[in-house]
Amino acid sequence: MDKNTFPKGNQGSADYFTGTAWVNILVPKDETGSYNIGNVVFEPGCRNNWHTHATDRSC
């Protein structure tokens, strides 16, 4: 049985992750293009690569 609240989504880009992560966009960018809402599932050993964002992020 899958323990995740949301489906895994698509495999995350190696530009942002070391290891395997799954990214599921729950709410796509609105007409302003200013935000979206997503869920990320990290497989064991996966880490974020250091990166920056042009706008604020909430975790």
C-alpha atoms as a PDB file:
ATOM      1  CA  MET A   1       0.000   0.000   0.000  1.00  0.00           C
ATOM      2  CA  ASP A   2       1.270   3.490  -0.913  1.00  0.00           C
ATOM      3  CA  LYS A   3       1.749   5.647   2.197  1.00  0.00           C
ATOM      4  CA  ASN A   4       1.841   8.944   0.281  1.00  0.00           C
ATOM      5  CA  THR A   5      -1.047  11.379   0.581  1.00  0.00           C
ATOM      6  CA  PHE A   6      -0.611  12.452  -3.053  1.00  0.00           C
ATOM      7  CA  PRO A   7       0.550  10.502  -6.117  1.00  0.00           C
ATOM      8  CA  LYS A   8       4.320  10.657  -6.710  1.00  0.00           C
ATOM      9  CA  GLY A   9       4.069  12.674  -9.927  1.00  0.00           C
ATOM     10  CA  ASN A  10       7.038  12.982 -12.296  1.00  0.00           C
ATOM     11  CA  GLN A  11      10.673  12.291 -11.531  1.00  0.00           C
ATOM     12  CA  GLY A  12      12.435  15.477 -10.440  1.00  0.00           C
ATOM     13  CA  SER A  13      15.200  16.997 -12.518  1.00  0.00           C
ATOM     14  CA  ALA A  14      18.826  16.156 -11.722  1.00  0.00           C
ATOM     15  CA  ASP A  15      19.349  19.947 -11.805  1.00  0.00           C
ATOM     16  CA  TYR A  16      17.585  20.102  -8.422  1.00  0.00           C
ATOM     17  CA  PHE A  17      18.048  16.675  -6.816  1.00  0.00           C
ATOM     18  CA  THR A  18      20.830  14.206  -6.079  1.00  0.00           C
ATOM     19  CA  GLY A  19      19.072  10.852  -6.106  1.00  0.00           C
ATOM     20  CA  THR A  20      15.458  10.245  -6.988  1.00  0.00           C
ATOM     21  CA  ALA A  21      12.675  12.648  -6.082  1.00  0.00           C
ATOM     22  CA  TRP A  22       9.131  12.768  -7.409  1.00  0.00           C
ATOM     23  CA  VAL A  23       7.387  16.096  -8.044  1.00  0.00           C
ATOM     24  CA  ASN A  24       3.607  16.392  -8.255  1.00  0.00           C
ATOM     25  CA  ILE A  25       2.246  19.845  -9.108  1.00  0.00           C
ATOM     26  CA  LEU A  26      -1.024  20.121  -7.176  1.00  0.00           C
ATOM     27  CA  VAL A  27      -1.985  23.642  -8.300  1.00  0.00           C
ATOM     28  CA  PRO A  28      -0.392  24.906 -11.534  1.00  0.00           C
ATOM     29  CA  LYS A  29       0.751  28.495 -11.927  1.00  0.00           C
ATOM     30  CA  ASP A  30      -2.149  30.910 -12.051  1.00  0.00           C
ATOM     31  CA  GLU A  31      -2.651  33.535 -14.754  1.00  0.00           C
ATOM     32  CA  THR A  32      -0.124  35.823 -13.027  1.00  0.00           C
ATOM     33  CA  GLY A  33       2.506  33.072 -13.182  1.00  0.00           C
ATOM     34  CA  SER A  34       3.537  34.002  -9.663  1.00  0.00           C
ATOM     35  CA  TYR A  35       3.099  30.694  -7.839  1.00  0.00           C
ATOM     36  CA  ASN A  36       2.261  27.016  -7.976  1.00  0.00           C
ATOM     37  CA  ILE A  37       1.782  24.397  -5.289  1.00  0.00           C
ATOM     38  CA  GLY A  38       3.528  21.054  -5.416  1.00  0.00           C
ATOM     39  CA  ASN A  39       4.345  17.988  -3.367  1.00  0.00           C
ATOM     40  CA  VAL A  40       7.805  16.401  -3.455  1.00  0.00           C
ATOM     41  CA  VAL A  41       8.531  12.807  -2.401  1.00  0.00           C
ATOM     42  CA  PHE A  42      12.187  12.009  -1.635  1.00  0.00           C
ATOM     43  CA  GLU A  43      13.376   8.427  -1.987  1.00  0.00           C
ATOM     44  CA  PRO A  44      15.891   7.267   0.663  1.00  0.00           C
ATOM     45  CA  GLY A  45      19.234   9.021   0.208  1.00  0.00           C
ATOM     46  CA  CYS A  46      17.865  11.746  -2.085  1.00  0.00           C
ATOM     47  CA  ARG A  47      18.934  15.325  -1.367  1.00  0.00           C
ATOM     48  CA  ASN A  48      18.189  18.745  -2.840  1.00  0.00           C
ATOM     49  CA  ASN A  49      20.993  20.267  -4.873  1.00  0.00           C
ATOM     50  CA  TRP A  50      21.769  23.793  -3.707  1.00  0.00           C
ATOM     51  CA  HIS A  51      19.820  26.220  -5.858  1.00  0.00           C
ATOM     52  CA  THR A  52      18.040  29.549  -5.656  1.00  0.00           C
ATOM     53  CA  HIS A  53      14.597  30.797  -6.613  1.00  0.00           C
ATOM     54  CA  ALA A  54      13.758  34.163  -8.157  1.00  0.00           C
ATOM     55  CA  THR A  55      10.806  34.553  -5.759  1.00  0.00           C
ATOM     56  CA  ASP A  56       9.925  33.422  -2.234  1.00  0.00           C
ATOM     57  CA  ARG A  57       9.180  29.779  -1.405  1.00  0.00           C
ATOM     58  CA  SER A  58       7.211  28.265   1.464  1.00  0.00           C
ATOM     59  CA  CYS A  59       7.857  24.772   2.737  1.00  0.00           C
END
